Full PDB file with SEQRES, HELIX, SHEET, SSBOND, CRYST1, ORIGX, SCALE, CONECT and MASTER records, all heavy atoms in Angstrom:
SEQRES   1 A   39  ASP LEU THR GLY LEU LEU SER GLU LEU ALA ALA ILE GLY          
SEQRES   2 A   39  PHE ARG GLN PHE GLY MET ALA MET ALA ALA ALA ASN ALA          
SEQRES   3 A   39  SER ALA ALA THR PRO GLY GLU LYS GLY MET ALA SER ALA          
HELIX    1 AA1 LEU A    2  SER A   27  1                                  26    
HELIX    2 AA2 PRO A   31  SER A   38  1                                   8    
CRYST1    1.000    1.000    1.000  90.00  90.00  90.00 P 1           1          
ORIGX1      1.000000  0.000000  0.000000        0.00000                         
ORIGX2      0.000000  1.000000  0.000000        0.00000                         
ORIGX3      0.000000  0.000000  1.000000        0.00000                         
SCALE1      1.000000  0.000000  0.000000        0.00000                         
SCALE2      0.000000  1.000000  0.000000        0.00000                         
SCALE3      0.000000  0.000000  1.000000        0.00000                         
ATOM      1  N   ASP A   1     -87.945  26.816  32.034  1.00  0.00           N  
ATOM      2  CA  ASP A   1     -88.667  27.008  30.923  1.00  0.00           C  
ATOM      3  C   ASP A   1     -87.871  26.705  29.579  1.00  0.00           C  
ATOM      4  O   ASP A   1     -86.806  26.284  29.744  1.00  0.00           O  
ATOM      5  CB  ASP A   1     -89.261  28.437  30.766  1.00  0.00           C  
ATOM      6  CG  ASP A   1     -88.235  29.573  30.881  1.00  0.00           C  
ATOM      7  OD1 ASP A   1     -86.962  29.182  30.722  1.00  0.00           O  
ATOM      8  OD2 ASP A   1     -88.481  30.626  31.169  1.00  0.00           O  
ATOM      9  N   LEU A   2     -88.527  26.848  28.457  1.00  0.00           N  
ATOM     10  CA  LEU A   2     -87.734  26.532  27.239  1.00  0.00           C  
ATOM     11  C   LEU A   2     -86.559  27.456  27.081  1.00  0.00           C  
ATOM     12  O   LEU A   2     -85.467  26.928  26.528  1.00  0.00           O  
ATOM     13  CB  LEU A   2     -88.789  26.773  25.985  1.00  0.00           C  
ATOM     14  CG  LEU A   2     -88.113  26.318  24.657  1.00  0.00           C  
ATOM     15  CD1 LEU A   2     -87.647  24.851  24.593  1.00  0.00           C  
ATOM     16  CD2 LEU A   2     -89.093  26.630  23.547  1.00  0.00           C  
ATOM     17  N   THR A   3     -86.609  28.702  27.450  1.00  0.00           N  
ATOM     18  CA  THR A   3     -85.376  29.580  27.353  1.00  0.00           C  
ATOM     19  C   THR A   3     -84.231  28.970  28.175  1.00  0.00           C  
ATOM     20  O   THR A   3     -83.088  29.050  27.756  1.00  0.00           O  
ATOM     21  CB  THR A   3     -85.769  30.963  27.738  1.00  0.00           C  
ATOM     22  OG1 THR A   3     -86.664  31.589  26.888  1.00  0.00           O  
ATOM     23  CG2 THR A   3     -84.525  31.928  27.758  1.00  0.00           C  
ATOM     24  N   GLY A   4     -84.498  28.549  29.351  1.00  0.00           N  
ATOM     25  CA  GLY A   4     -83.504  27.906  30.216  1.00  0.00           C  
ATOM     26  C   GLY A   4     -82.934  26.743  29.624  1.00  0.00           C  
ATOM     27  O   GLY A   4     -81.641  26.598  29.607  1.00  0.00           O  
ATOM     28  N   LEU A   5     -83.712  25.902  28.995  1.00  0.00           N  
ATOM     29  CA  LEU A   5     -83.246  24.675  28.343  1.00  0.00           C  
ATOM     30  C   LEU A   5     -82.360  25.003  27.196  1.00  0.00           C  
ATOM     31  O   LEU A   5     -81.236  24.484  26.886  1.00  0.00           O  
ATOM     32  CB  LEU A   5     -84.293  23.747  27.886  1.00  0.00           C  
ATOM     33  CG  LEU A   5     -83.964  22.573  27.015  1.00  0.00           C  
ATOM     34  CD1 LEU A   5     -83.093  21.588  27.792  1.00  0.00           C  
ATOM     35  CD2 LEU A   5     -85.221  21.829  26.527  1.00  0.00           C  
ATOM     36  N   LEU A   6     -82.771  26.031  26.287  1.00  0.00           N  
ATOM     37  CA  LEU A   6     -82.037  26.353  25.132  1.00  0.00           C  
ATOM     38  C   LEU A   6     -80.786  27.056  25.558  1.00  0.00           C  
ATOM     39  O   LEU A   6     -79.787  26.853  24.772  1.00  0.00           O  
ATOM     40  CB  LEU A   6     -82.869  27.341  24.316  1.00  0.00           C  
ATOM     41  CG  LEU A   6     -84.172  26.829  23.632  1.00  0.00           C  
ATOM     42  CD1 LEU A   6     -84.875  27.911  22.847  1.00  0.00           C  
ATOM     43  CD2 LEU A   6     -83.902  25.692  22.811  1.00  0.00           C  
ATOM     44  N   SER A   7     -80.771  27.745  26.598  1.00  0.00           N  
ATOM     45  CA  SER A   7     -79.538  28.472  27.097  1.00  0.00           C  
ATOM     46  C   SER A   7     -78.478  27.469  27.524  1.00  0.00           C  
ATOM     47  O   SER A   7     -77.364  27.615  27.222  1.00  0.00           O  
ATOM     48  CB  SER A   7     -79.867  29.536  28.179  1.00  0.00           C  
ATOM     49  OG  SER A   7     -80.804  30.488  27.667  1.00  0.00           O  
ATOM     50  N   GLU A   8     -78.866  26.589  28.270  1.00  0.00           N  
ATOM     51  CA  GLU A   8     -77.956  25.459  28.751  1.00  0.00           C  
ATOM     52  C   GLU A   8     -77.507  24.635  27.517  1.00  0.00           C  
ATOM     53  O   GLU A   8     -76.263  24.165  27.536  1.00  0.00           O  
ATOM     54  CB  GLU A   8     -78.614  24.528  29.709  1.00  0.00           C  
ATOM     55  CG  GLU A   8     -79.039  25.253  31.034  1.00  0.00           C  
ATOM     56  CD  GLU A   8     -77.793  25.882  31.772  1.00  0.00           C  
ATOM     57  OE1 GLU A   8     -76.736  25.138  31.667  1.00  0.00           O  
ATOM     58  OE2 GLU A   8     -77.830  26.940  32.333  1.00  0.00           O  
ATOM     59  N   LEU A   9     -78.270  24.343  26.512  1.00  0.00           N  
ATOM     60  CA  LEU A   9     -77.937  23.575  25.329  1.00  0.00           C  
ATOM     61  C   LEU A   9     -76.881  24.433  24.588  1.00  0.00           C  
ATOM     62  O   LEU A   9     -75.904  23.911  24.111  1.00  0.00           O  
ATOM     63  CB  LEU A   9     -79.162  23.264  24.529  1.00  0.00           C  
ATOM     64  CG  LEU A   9     -78.966  22.326  23.342  1.00  0.00           C  
ATOM     65  CD1 LEU A   9     -78.306  21.018  23.742  1.00  0.00           C  
ATOM     66  CD2 LEU A   9     -80.280  22.043  22.603  1.00  0.00           C  
ATOM     67  N   ALA A  10     -77.203  25.676  24.426  1.00  0.00           N  
ATOM     68  CA  ALA A  10     -76.236  26.526  23.677  1.00  0.00           C  
ATOM     69  C   ALA A  10     -74.877  26.633  24.301  1.00  0.00           C  
ATOM     70  O   ALA A  10     -73.816  26.745  23.730  1.00  0.00           O  
ATOM     71  CB  ALA A  10     -76.856  27.938  23.483  1.00  0.00           C  
ATOM     72  N   ALA A  11     -74.850  26.690  25.712  1.00  0.00           N  
ATOM     73  CA  ALA A  11     -73.606  26.645  26.367  1.00  0.00           C  
ATOM     74  C   ALA A  11     -72.773  25.448  25.904  1.00  0.00           C  
ATOM     75  O   ALA A  11     -71.611  25.459  25.834  1.00  0.00           O  
ATOM     76  CB  ALA A  11     -73.918  26.611  27.878  1.00  0.00           C  
ATOM     77  N   ILE A  12     -73.396  24.294  25.869  1.00  0.00           N  
ATOM     78  CA  ILE A  12     -72.618  23.046  25.482  1.00  0.00           C  
ATOM     79  C   ILE A  12     -72.109  23.277  24.108  1.00  0.00           C  
ATOM     80  O   ILE A  12     -70.972  22.964  23.780  1.00  0.00           O  
ATOM     81  CB  ILE A  12     -73.692  21.862  25.473  1.00  0.00           C  
ATOM     82  CG1 ILE A  12     -74.042  21.443  26.920  1.00  0.00           C  
ATOM     83  CG2 ILE A  12     -73.045  20.615  24.722  1.00  0.00           C  
ATOM     84  CD1 ILE A  12     -75.052  20.418  26.907  1.00  0.00           C  
ATOM     85  N   GLY A  13     -72.925  23.848  23.192  1.00  0.00           N  
ATOM     86  CA  GLY A  13     -72.410  24.135  21.845  1.00  0.00           C  
ATOM     87  C   GLY A  13     -71.287  25.073  21.845  1.00  0.00           C  
ATOM     88  O   GLY A  13     -70.223  24.790  21.041  1.00  0.00           O  
ATOM     89  N   PHE A  14     -71.241  26.059  22.581  1.00  0.00           N  
ATOM     90  CA  PHE A  14     -70.098  26.978  22.604  1.00  0.00           C  
ATOM     91  C   PHE A  14     -68.865  26.344  23.137  1.00  0.00           C  
ATOM     92  O   PHE A  14     -67.779  26.592  22.690  1.00  0.00           O  
ATOM     93  CB  PHE A  14     -70.439  28.234  23.437  1.00  0.00           C  
ATOM     94  CG  PHE A  14     -71.140  29.302  22.775  1.00  0.00           C  
ATOM     95  CD1 PHE A  14     -72.470  29.712  23.038  1.00  0.00           C  
ATOM     96  CD2 PHE A  14     -70.534  30.039  21.656  1.00  0.00           C  
ATOM     97  CE1 PHE A  14     -73.131  30.662  22.324  1.00  0.00           C  
ATOM     98  CE2 PHE A  14     -71.067  31.011  20.992  1.00  0.00           C  
ATOM     99  CZ  PHE A  14     -72.449  31.380  21.333  1.00  0.00           C  
ATOM    100  N   ARG A  15     -68.967  25.433  24.095  1.00  0.00           N  
ATOM    101  CA  ARG A  15     -67.866  24.692  24.654  1.00  0.00           C  
ATOM    102  C   ARG A  15     -67.253  23.742  23.519  1.00  0.00           C  
ATOM    103  O   ARG A  15     -66.067  23.664  23.402  1.00  0.00           O  
ATOM    104  CB  ARG A  15     -68.265  23.858  25.901  1.00  0.00           C  
ATOM    105  CG  ARG A  15     -68.442  24.827  27.133  1.00  0.00           C  
ATOM    106  CD  ARG A  15     -68.498  23.972  28.419  1.00  0.00           C  
ATOM    107  NE  ARG A  15     -69.617  23.192  28.525  1.00  0.00           N  
ATOM    108  CZ  ARG A  15     -70.793  23.635  29.133  1.00  0.00           C  
ATOM    109  NH1 ARG A  15     -70.888  24.909  29.623  1.00  0.00           N  
ATOM    110  NH2 ARG A  15     -71.877  22.919  29.138  1.00  0.00           N  
ATOM    111  N   GLN A  16     -68.197  22.983  22.920  1.00  0.00           N  
ATOM    112  CA  GLN A  16     -67.683  22.148  21.840  1.00  0.00           C  
ATOM    113  C   GLN A  16     -67.051  22.973  20.739  1.00  0.00           C  
ATOM    114  O   GLN A  16     -66.091  22.586  20.139  1.00  0.00           O  
ATOM    115  CB  GLN A  16     -68.975  21.433  21.193  1.00  0.00           C  
ATOM    116  CG  GLN A  16     -69.576  20.412  22.259  1.00  0.00           C  
ATOM    117  CD  GLN A  16     -70.854  19.845  21.579  1.00  0.00           C  
ATOM    118  OE1 GLN A  16     -71.389  20.358  20.596  1.00  0.00           O  
ATOM    119  NE2 GLN A  16     -71.371  18.795  22.217  1.00  0.00           N  
ATOM    120  N   PHE A  17     -67.580  24.021  20.392  1.00  0.00           N  
ATOM    121  CA  PHE A  17     -67.192  24.888  19.290  1.00  0.00           C  
ATOM    122  C   PHE A  17     -65.811  25.449  19.702  1.00  0.00           C  
ATOM    123  O   PHE A  17     -64.786  25.407  18.822  1.00  0.00           O  
ATOM    124  CB  PHE A  17     -68.128  26.154  19.168  1.00  0.00           C  
ATOM    125  CG  PHE A  17     -67.980  26.988  18.039  1.00  0.00           C  
ATOM    126  CD1 PHE A  17     -67.862  26.595  16.747  1.00  0.00           C  
ATOM    127  CD2 PHE A  17     -67.899  28.454  18.435  1.00  0.00           C  
ATOM    128  CE1 PHE A  17     -67.678  27.538  15.739  1.00  0.00           C  
ATOM    129  CE2 PHE A  17     -67.642  29.304  17.400  1.00  0.00           C  
ATOM    130  CZ  PHE A  17     -67.566  28.902  16.127  1.00  0.00           C  
ATOM    131  N   GLY A  18     -65.583  25.904  20.909  1.00  0.00           N  
ATOM    132  CA  GLY A  18     -64.324  26.472  21.308  1.00  0.00           C  
ATOM    133  C   GLY A  18     -63.216  25.427  21.337  1.00  0.00           C  
ATOM    134  O   GLY A  18     -62.120  25.613  20.905  1.00  0.00           O  
ATOM    135  N   MET A  19     -63.630  24.107  21.807  1.00  0.00           N  
ATOM    136  CA  MET A  19     -62.637  23.060  21.845  1.00  0.00           C  
ATOM    137  C   MET A  19     -62.188  22.670  20.368  1.00  0.00           C  
ATOM    138  O   MET A  19     -61.021  22.413  20.199  1.00  0.00           O  
ATOM    139  CB  MET A  19     -63.176  21.856  22.591  1.00  0.00           C  
ATOM    140  CG  MET A  19     -63.295  22.117  24.153  1.00  0.00           C  
ATOM    141  SD  MET A  19     -63.715  20.571  24.964  1.00  0.00           S  
ATOM    142  CE  MET A  19     -65.357  20.245  24.541  1.00  0.00           C  
ATOM    143  N   ALA A  20     -63.117  22.669  19.523  1.00  0.00           N  
ATOM    144  CA  ALA A  20     -62.691  22.320  18.142  1.00  0.00           C  
ATOM    145  C   ALA A  20     -61.836  23.322  17.519  1.00  0.00           C  
ATOM    146  O   ALA A  20     -60.836  22.893  16.920  1.00  0.00           O  
ATOM    147  CB  ALA A  20     -64.123  22.190  17.229  1.00  0.00           C  
ATOM    148  N   MET A  21     -61.944  24.634  17.760  1.00  0.00           N  
ATOM    149  CA  MET A  21     -61.087  25.589  17.154  1.00  0.00           C  
ATOM    150  C   MET A  21     -59.765  25.640  17.885  1.00  0.00           C  
ATOM    151  O   MET A  21     -58.771  25.811  17.316  1.00  0.00           O  
ATOM    152  CB  MET A  21     -61.698  27.002  17.317  1.00  0.00           C  
ATOM    153  CG  MET A  21     -62.887  27.171  16.240  1.00  0.00           C  
ATOM    154  SD  MET A  21     -63.285  28.930  16.063  1.00  0.00           S  
ATOM    155  CE  MET A  21     -64.022  29.293  17.672  1.00  0.00           C  
ATOM    156  N   ALA A  22     -59.758  25.340  19.180  1.00  0.00           N  
ATOM    157  CA  ALA A  22     -58.577  25.279  20.022  1.00  0.00           C  
ATOM    158  C   ALA A  22     -57.658  24.178  19.445  1.00  0.00           C  
ATOM    159  O   ALA A  22     -56.465  24.294  19.324  1.00  0.00           O  
ATOM    160  CB  ALA A  22     -58.818  25.197  21.527  1.00  0.00           C  
ATOM    161  N   ALA A  23     -58.288  23.090  19.257  1.00  0.00           N  
ATOM    162  CA  ALA A  23     -57.563  21.884  18.768  1.00  0.00           C  
ATOM    163  C   ALA A  23     -56.899  22.068  17.487  1.00  0.00           C  
ATOM    164  O   ALA A  23     -55.842  21.807  17.162  1.00  0.00           O  
ATOM    165  CB  ALA A  23     -58.425  20.606  18.743  1.00  0.00           C  
ATOM    166  N   ALA A  24     -57.710  22.737  16.553  1.00  0.00           N  
ATOM    167  CA  ALA A  24     -57.247  23.086  15.244  1.00  0.00           C  
ATOM    168  C   ALA A  24     -56.038  23.994  15.352  1.00  0.00           C  
ATOM    169  O   ALA A  24     -55.090  23.932  14.583  1.00  0.00           O  
ATOM    170  CB  ALA A  24     -58.332  23.557  14.335  1.00  0.00           C  
ATOM    171  N   ASN A  25     -56.197  25.021  16.135  1.00  0.00           N  
ATOM    172  CA  ASN A  25     -55.193  26.011  16.320  1.00  0.00           C  
ATOM    173  C   ASN A  25     -53.870  25.372  16.859  1.00  0.00           C  
ATOM    174  O   ASN A  25     -52.782  25.721  16.421  1.00  0.00           O  
ATOM    175  CB  ASN A  25     -55.622  27.095  17.362  1.00  0.00           C  
ATOM    176  CG  ASN A  25     -54.630  28.223  17.408  1.00  0.00           C  
ATOM    177  OD1 ASN A  25     -53.658  28.146  18.126  1.00  0.00           O  
ATOM    178  ND2 ASN A  25     -54.967  29.390  16.824  1.00  0.00           N  
ATOM    179  N   ALA A  26     -53.955  24.452  17.759  1.00  0.00           N  
ATOM    180  CA  ALA A  26     -52.764  23.774  18.313  1.00  0.00           C  
ATOM    181  C   ALA A  26     -52.052  22.857  17.395  1.00  0.00           C  
ATOM    182  O   ALA A  26     -50.881  22.656  17.451  1.00  0.00           O  
ATOM    183  CB  ALA A  26     -53.256  22.939  19.582  1.00  0.00           C  
ATOM    184  N   SER A  27     -52.880  22.406  16.292  1.00  0.00           N  
ATOM    185  CA  SER A  27     -52.306  21.497  15.342  1.00  0.00           C  
ATOM    186  C   SER A  27     -51.450  22.201  14.296  1.00  0.00           C  
ATOM    187  O   SER A  27     -50.787  21.543  13.486  1.00  0.00           O  
ATOM    188  CB  SER A  27     -53.357  20.719  14.691  1.00  0.00           C  
ATOM    189  OG  SER A  27     -54.234  21.584  13.859  1.00  0.00           O  
ATOM    190  N   ALA A  28     -51.628  23.501  14.186  1.00  0.00           N  
ATOM    191  CA  ALA A  28     -50.889  24.272  13.187  1.00  0.00           C  
ATOM    192  C   ALA A  28     -49.491  24.890  13.771  1.00  0.00           C  
ATOM    193  O   ALA A  28     -49.461  25.083  15.015  1.00  0.00           O  
ATOM    194  CB  ALA A  28     -51.795  25.373  12.543  1.00  0.00           C  
ATOM    195  N   ALA A  29     -48.648  25.246  12.840  1.00  0.00           N  
ATOM    196  CA  ALA A  29     -47.342  25.690  13.383  1.00  0.00           C  
ATOM    197  C   ALA A  29     -47.314  27.198  13.389  1.00  0.00           C  
ATOM    198  O   ALA A  29     -46.949  27.881  14.404  1.00  0.00           O  
ATOM    199  CB  ALA A  29     -46.196  25.163  12.373  1.00  0.00           C  
ATOM    200  N   THR A  30     -47.491  27.876  12.178  1.00  0.00           N  
ATOM    201  CA  THR A  30     -47.221  29.356  11.989  1.00  0.00           C  
ATOM    202  C   THR A  30     -48.554  30.069  12.367  1.00  0.00           C  
ATOM    203  O   THR A  30     -49.587  29.441  12.294  1.00  0.00           O  
ATOM    204  CB  THR A  30     -46.763  29.620  10.545  1.00  0.00           C  
ATOM    205  OG1 THR A  30     -47.900  29.416   9.698  1.00  0.00           O  
ATOM    206  CG2 THR A  30     -45.486  28.845  10.236  1.00  0.00           C  
ATOM    207  N   PRO A  31     -48.509  31.335  12.677  1.00  0.00           N  
ATOM    208  CA  PRO A  31     -49.629  32.169  12.923  1.00  0.00           C  
ATOM    209  C   PRO A  31     -50.670  32.028  11.775  1.00  0.00           C  
ATOM    210  O   PRO A  31     -51.887  31.937  11.984  1.00  0.00           O  
ATOM    211  CB  PRO A  31     -49.201  33.580  13.148  1.00  0.00           C  
ATOM    212  CG  PRO A  31     -47.750  33.345  13.654  1.00  0.00           C  
ATOM    213  CD  PRO A  31     -47.247  32.192  12.907  1.00  0.00           C  
ATOM    214  N   GLY A  32     -50.143  32.136  10.487  1.00  0.00           N  
ATOM    215  CA  GLY A  32     -51.000  32.086   9.359  1.00  0.00           C  
ATOM    216  C   GLY A  32     -51.762  30.753   9.318  1.00  0.00           C  
ATOM    217  O   GLY A  32     -52.923  30.737   8.997  1.00  0.00           O  
ATOM    218  N   GLU A  33     -51.018  29.635   9.518  1.00  0.00           N  
ATOM    219  CA  GLU A  33     -51.642  28.304   9.494  1.00  0.00           C  
ATOM    220  C   GLU A  33     -52.657  28.153  10.581  1.00  0.00           C  
ATOM    221  O   GLU A  33     -53.631  27.559  10.394  1.00  0.00           O  
ATOM    222  CB  GLU A  33     -50.592  27.295   9.548  1.00  0.00           C  
ATOM    223  CG  GLU A  33     -49.600  27.191   8.310  1.00  0.00           C  
ATOM    224  CD  GLU A  33     -48.392  26.274   8.586  1.00  0.00           C  
ATOM    225  OE1 GLU A  33     -48.192  25.937   9.648  1.00  0.00           O  
ATOM    226  OE2 GLU A  33     -47.721  26.021   7.588  1.00  0.00           O  
ATOM    227  N   LYS A  34     -52.346  28.774  11.723  1.00  0.00           N  
ATOM    228  CA  LYS A  34     -53.293  28.702  12.915  1.00  0.00           C  
ATOM    229  C   LYS A  34     -54.564  29.368  12.481  1.00  0.00           C  
ATOM    230  O   LYS A  34     -55.675  28.842  12.858  1.00  0.00           O  
ATOM    231  CB  LYS A  34     -52.627  29.297  14.098  1.00  0.00           C  
ATOM    232  CG  LYS A  34     -51.485  28.473  14.731  1.00  0.00           C  
ATOM    233  CD  LYS A  34     -50.953  29.136  16.002  1.00  0.00           C  
ATOM    234  CE  LYS A  34     -49.800  28.375  16.531  1.00  0.00           C  
ATOM    235  NZ  LYS A  34     -50.332  27.117  17.222  1.00  0.00           N  
ATOM    236  N   GLY A  35     -54.528  30.527  11.926  1.00  0.00           N  
ATOM    237  CA  GLY A  35     -55.733  31.190  11.598  1.00  0.00           C  
ATOM    238  C   GLY A  35     -56.508  30.444  10.611  1.00  0.00           C  
ATOM    239  O   GLY A  35     -57.835  30.335  10.692  1.00  0.00           O  
ATOM    240  N   MET A  36     -55.808  29.847   9.616  1.00  0.00           N  
ATOM    241  CA  MET A  36     -56.500  29.038   8.569  1.00  0.00           C  
ATOM    242  C   MET A  36     -57.185  27.865   9.174  1.00  0.00           C  
ATOM    243  O   MET A  36     -58.326  27.448   8.847  1.00  0.00           O  
ATOM    244  CB  MET A  36     -55.462  28.602   7.471  1.00  0.00           C  
ATOM    245  CG  MET A  36     -56.054  28.073   6.256  1.00  0.00           C  
ATOM    246  SD  MET A  36     -56.585  29.308   5.036  1.00  0.00           S  
ATOM    247  CE  MET A  36     -55.005  30.067   4.543  1.00  0.00           C  
ATOM    248  N   ALA A  37     -56.490  27.140  10.143  1.00  0.00           N  
ATOM    249  CA  ALA A  37     -57.019  25.993  10.751  1.00  0.00           C  
ATOM    250  C   ALA A  37     -58.145  26.271  11.556  1.00  0.00           C  
ATOM    251  O   ALA A  37     -59.136  25.535  11.522  1.00  0.00           O  
ATOM    252  CB  ALA A  37     -55.859  25.290  11.476  1.00  0.00           C  
ATOM    253  N   SER A  38     -58.178  27.319  12.288  1.00  0.00           N  
ATOM    254  CA  SER A  38     -59.241  27.769  13.162  1.00  0.00           C  
ATOM    255  C   SER A  38     -60.430  27.990  12.351  1.00  0.00           C  
ATOM    256  O   SER A  38     -61.577  27.676  12.728  1.00  0.00           O  
ATOM    257  CB  SER A  38     -58.923  28.851  13.961  1.00  0.00           C  
ATOM    258  OG  SER A  38     -57.793  28.567  14.828  1.00  0.00           O  
ATOM    259  N   ALA A  39     -60.295  28.712  11.201  1.00  0.00           N  
ATOM    260  CA  ALA A  39     -61.410  29.123  10.313  1.00  0.00           C  
ATOM    261  C   ALA A  39     -62.093  27.815   9.802  1.00  0.00           C  
ATOM    262  O   ALA A  39     -63.344  27.763   9.744  1.00  0.00           O  
ATOM    263  CB  ALA A  39     -61.033  30.033   9.213  1.00  0.00           C  
TER     264      ALA A  39                                                      
MASTER        0    0    0    2    0    0    0    6  263    1    0    3          
END                                                                             
C-alpha cells in the first residue's frame, strides 16, 4: 500500500542522509569541526 511505499522511500532518504553526514564528519579534523561539518 502507500504506507509501504513511503516507508521504503524514507529508508532510502535516511541512508542518503546518514552517508552525507558521515562524509562531512570524516572530512573534518577536530571534534568541533566535525560537529560543524555534520550540521
